[in-house]
């Protein structure tokens, strides 16, 4: 982060047991220097940029593909909220309510 390297959410090497909630990665990102917003952006806008898909992914905007999650609290105040997803919309259909 200090060098300006873009870091995106997700890994194939682990860091914790595969049986654990993947959103736990947000905790590590914040613990090691990202703000909660930077950690969330690493999973959205930054990921889309690094895949060169920013025109179709990474934000909730007209014309873009968007999956939406909602949590019960403010993840900017408590990043662990992202481990307790209450609502999921995928491709315009509610899949968890």
C-alpha atoms as a PDB file:
ATOM      1  CA  UNK A   1       0.000   0.000   0.000  1.00  0.00           C
ATOM      2  CA  UNK A   2       2.804   2.417   0.831  1.00  0.00           C
ATOM      3  CA  UNK A   3       4.235   1.883  -2.660  1.00  0.00           C
ATOM      4  CA  UNK A   4       0.871   2.483  -4.360  1.00  0.00           C
ATOM      5  CA  UNK A   5       0.433  -1.090  -5.543  1.00  0.00           C
ATOM      6  CA  UNK A   6      -3.199  -1.948  -6.258  1.00  0.00           C
ATOM      7  CA  UNK A   7      -4.424  -4.749  -4.024  1.00  0.00           C
ATOM      8  CA  UNK A   8      -7.592  -6.654  -4.761  1.00  0.00           C
ATOM      9  CA  UNK A   9      -9.756  -8.883  -2.592  1.00  0.00           C
ATOM     10  CA  UNK A  10      -9.566 -12.633  -2.965  1.00  0.00           C
ATOM     11  CA  UNK A  11      -6.888 -15.257  -3.024  1.00  0.00           C
ATOM     12  CA  UNK A  12      -6.198 -18.798  -4.059  1.00  0.00           C
ATOM     13  CA  UNK A  13      -3.471 -19.376  -1.500  1.00  0.00           C
ATOM     14  CA  UNK A  14      -5.459 -19.173   1.711  1.00  0.00           C
ATOM     15  CA  UNK A  15      -4.559 -17.390   4.891  1.00  0.00           C
ATOM     16  CA  UNK A  16      -7.242 -19.067   6.893  1.00  0.00           C
ATOM     17  CA  UNK A  17      -9.154 -22.335   6.647  1.00  0.00           C
ATOM     18  CA  UNK A  18     -11.363 -22.696   3.562  1.00  0.00           C
ATOM     19  CA  UNK A  19     -14.265 -23.542   5.864  1.00  0.00           C
ATOM     20  CA  UNK A  20     -14.227 -19.998   7.281  1.00  0.00           C
ATOM     21  CA  UNK A  21     -16.230 -17.090   5.922  1.00  0.00           C
ATOM     22  CA  UNK A  22     -14.275 -15.549   3.025  1.00  0.00           C
ATOM     23  CA  UNK A  23     -15.266 -12.065   4.186  1.00  0.00           C
ATOM     24  CA  UNK A  24     -12.751 -12.564   6.993  1.00  0.00           C
ATOM     25  CA  UNK A  25     -10.174 -11.310   4.488  1.00  0.00           C
ATOM     26  CA  UNK A  26     -11.593  -7.797   5.017  1.00  0.00           C
ATOM     27  CA  UNK A  27     -10.410  -7.939   8.635  1.00  0.00           C
ATOM     28  CA  UNK A  28      -6.842  -8.678   7.545  1.00  0.00           C
ATOM     29  CA  UNK A  29      -6.868  -5.895   4.982  1.00  0.00           C
ATOM     30  CA  UNK A  30      -7.926  -3.374   7.619  1.00  0.00           C
ATOM     31  CA  UNK A  31      -5.577  -4.833  10.234  1.00  0.00           C
ATOM     32  CA  UNK A  32      -2.617  -4.365   7.910  1.00  0.00           C
ATOM     33  CA  UNK A  33      -3.304  -0.810   6.815  1.00  0.00           C
ATOM     34  CA  UNK A  34      -6.327  -0.351   4.586  1.00  0.00           C
ATOM     35  CA  UNK A  35      -9.230   1.761   5.687  1.00  0.00           C
ATOM     36  CA  UNK A  36     -12.565  -0.085   5.678  1.00  0.00           C
ATOM     37  CA  UNK A  37     -13.528   1.794   2.481  1.00  0.00           C
ATOM     38  CA  UNK A  38     -10.269   0.800   0.770  1.00  0.00           C
ATOM     39  CA  UNK A  39     -10.907  -2.825   1.712  1.00  0.00           C
ATOM     40  CA  UNK A  40     -14.429  -2.680   0.267  1.00  0.00           C
ATOM     41  CA  UNK A  41     -13.128  -0.995  -2.885  1.00  0.00           C
ATOM     42  CA  UNK A  42     -10.533  -3.769  -3.223  1.00  0.00           C
ATOM     43  CA  UNK A  43     -13.450  -6.170  -3.694  1.00  0.00           C
ATOM     44  CA  UNK A  44     -15.364  -3.914  -6.074  1.00  0.00           C
ATOM     45  CA  UNK A  45     -13.842  -1.087  -8.114  1.00  0.00           C
ATOM     46  CA  UNK A  46     -10.187  -2.144  -7.777  1.00  0.00           C
ATOM     47  CA  UNK A  47     -10.974  -5.736  -8.704  1.00  0.00           C
ATOM     48  CA  UNK A  48     -12.835  -4.546 -11.799  1.00  0.00           C
ATOM     49  CA  UNK A  49      -9.932  -2.266 -12.776  1.00  0.00           C
ATOM     50  CA  UNK A  50      -7.342  -5.011 -12.411  1.00  0.00           C
ATOM     51  CA  UNK A  51      -9.473  -7.280 -14.617  1.00  0.00           C
ATOM     52  CA  UNK A  52      -9.865  -4.410 -17.118  1.00  0.00           C
ATOM     53  CA  UNK A  53     -13.632  -4.724 -16.639  1.00  0.00           C
ATOM     54  CA  UNK A  54     -14.344  -1.330 -15.046  1.00  0.00           C
ATOM     55  CA  UNK A  55     -16.829  -0.511 -17.828  1.00  0.00           C
ATOM     56  CA  UNK A  56     -19.069  -3.424 -16.849  1.00  0.00           C
ATOM     57  CA  UNK A  57     -18.211  -4.344 -13.226  1.00  0.00           C
ATOM     58  CA  UNK A  58     -17.218  -2.887  -9.901  1.00  0.00           C
ATOM     59  CA  UNK A  59     -19.944  -0.349  -9.156  1.00  0.00           C
ATOM     60  CA  UNK A  60     -23.687  -0.065  -8.929  1.00  0.00           C
ATOM     61  CA  UNK A  61     -24.342   2.022 -12.026  1.00  0.00           C
ATOM     62  CA  UNK A  62     -26.708   1.871 -14.976  1.00  0.00           C
ATOM     63  CA  UNK A  63     -25.429  -0.542 -17.593  1.00  0.00           C
ATOM     64  CA  UNK A  64     -23.132  -2.468 -15.262  1.00  0.00           C
ATOM     65  CA  UNK A  65     -23.531  -5.960 -13.874  1.00  0.00           C
ATOM     66  CA  UNK A  66     -24.012  -5.677 -10.132  1.00  0.00           C
ATOM     67  CA  UNK A  67     -24.505  -8.087  -7.292  1.00  0.00           C
ATOM     68  CA  UNK A  68     -25.627  -6.315  -4.131  1.00  0.00           C
ATOM     69  CA  UNK A  69     -25.266  -7.322  -0.497  1.00  0.00           C
ATOM     70  CA  UNK A  70     -26.661  -5.648   2.596  1.00  0.00           C
ATOM     71  CA  UNK A  71     -25.584  -5.998   6.197  1.00  0.00           C
ATOM     72  CA  UNK A  72     -27.190  -4.975   9.479  1.00  0.00           C
ATOM     73  CA  UNK A  73     -24.610  -2.370  10.473  1.00  0.00           C
ATOM     74  CA  UNK A  74     -22.077   0.030   9.046  1.00  0.00           C
ATOM     75  CA  UNK A  75     -19.020  -1.813   7.656  1.00  0.00           C
ATOM     76  CA  UNK A  76     -17.099   1.466   7.659  1.00  0.00           C
ATOM     77  CA  UNK A  77     -17.371   1.415  11.448  1.00  0.00           C
ATOM     78  CA  UNK A  78     -17.070  -2.372  11.866  1.00  0.00           C
ATOM     79  CA  UNK A  79     -15.627  -4.272   8.912  1.00  0.00           C
ATOM     80  CA  UNK A  80     -16.781  -7.573  10.453  1.00  0.00           C
ATOM     81  CA  UNK A  81     -20.329  -6.633   9.404  1.00  0.00           C
ATOM     82  CA  UNK A  82     -19.405  -7.981   5.963  1.00  0.00           C
ATOM     83  CA  UNK A  83     -19.264 -11.454   7.511  1.00  0.00           C
ATOM     84  CA  UNK A  84     -22.961 -11.206   8.410  1.00  0.00           C
ATOM     85  CA  UNK A  85     -24.711 -10.620   5.092  1.00  0.00           C
ATOM     86  CA  UNK A  86     -28.482 -10.273   5.488  1.00  0.00           C
ATOM     87  CA  UNK A  87     -29.521  -9.668   1.870  1.00  0.00           C
ATOM     88  CA  UNK A  88     -28.119 -10.690  -1.517  1.00  0.00           C
ATOM     89  CA  UNK A  89     -29.274  -9.674  -4.982  1.00  0.00           C
ATOM     90  CA  UNK A  90     -27.547 -11.377  -7.901  1.00  0.00           C
ATOM     91  CA  UNK A  91     -28.222 -10.419 -11.508  1.00  0.00           C
ATOM     92  CA  UNK A  92     -31.317  -8.513 -10.401  1.00  0.00           C
ATOM     93  CA  UNK A  93     -32.848 -11.401  -8.449  1.00  0.00           C
ATOM     94  CA  UNK A  94     -33.044 -11.633  -4.673  1.00  0.00           C
ATOM     95  CA  UNK A  95     -31.292 -14.816  -3.587  1.00  0.00           C
ATOM     96  CA  UNK A  96     -31.155 -14.164   0.168  1.00  0.00           C
ATOM     97  CA  UNK A  97     -33.592 -12.087   2.176  1.00  0.00           C
END
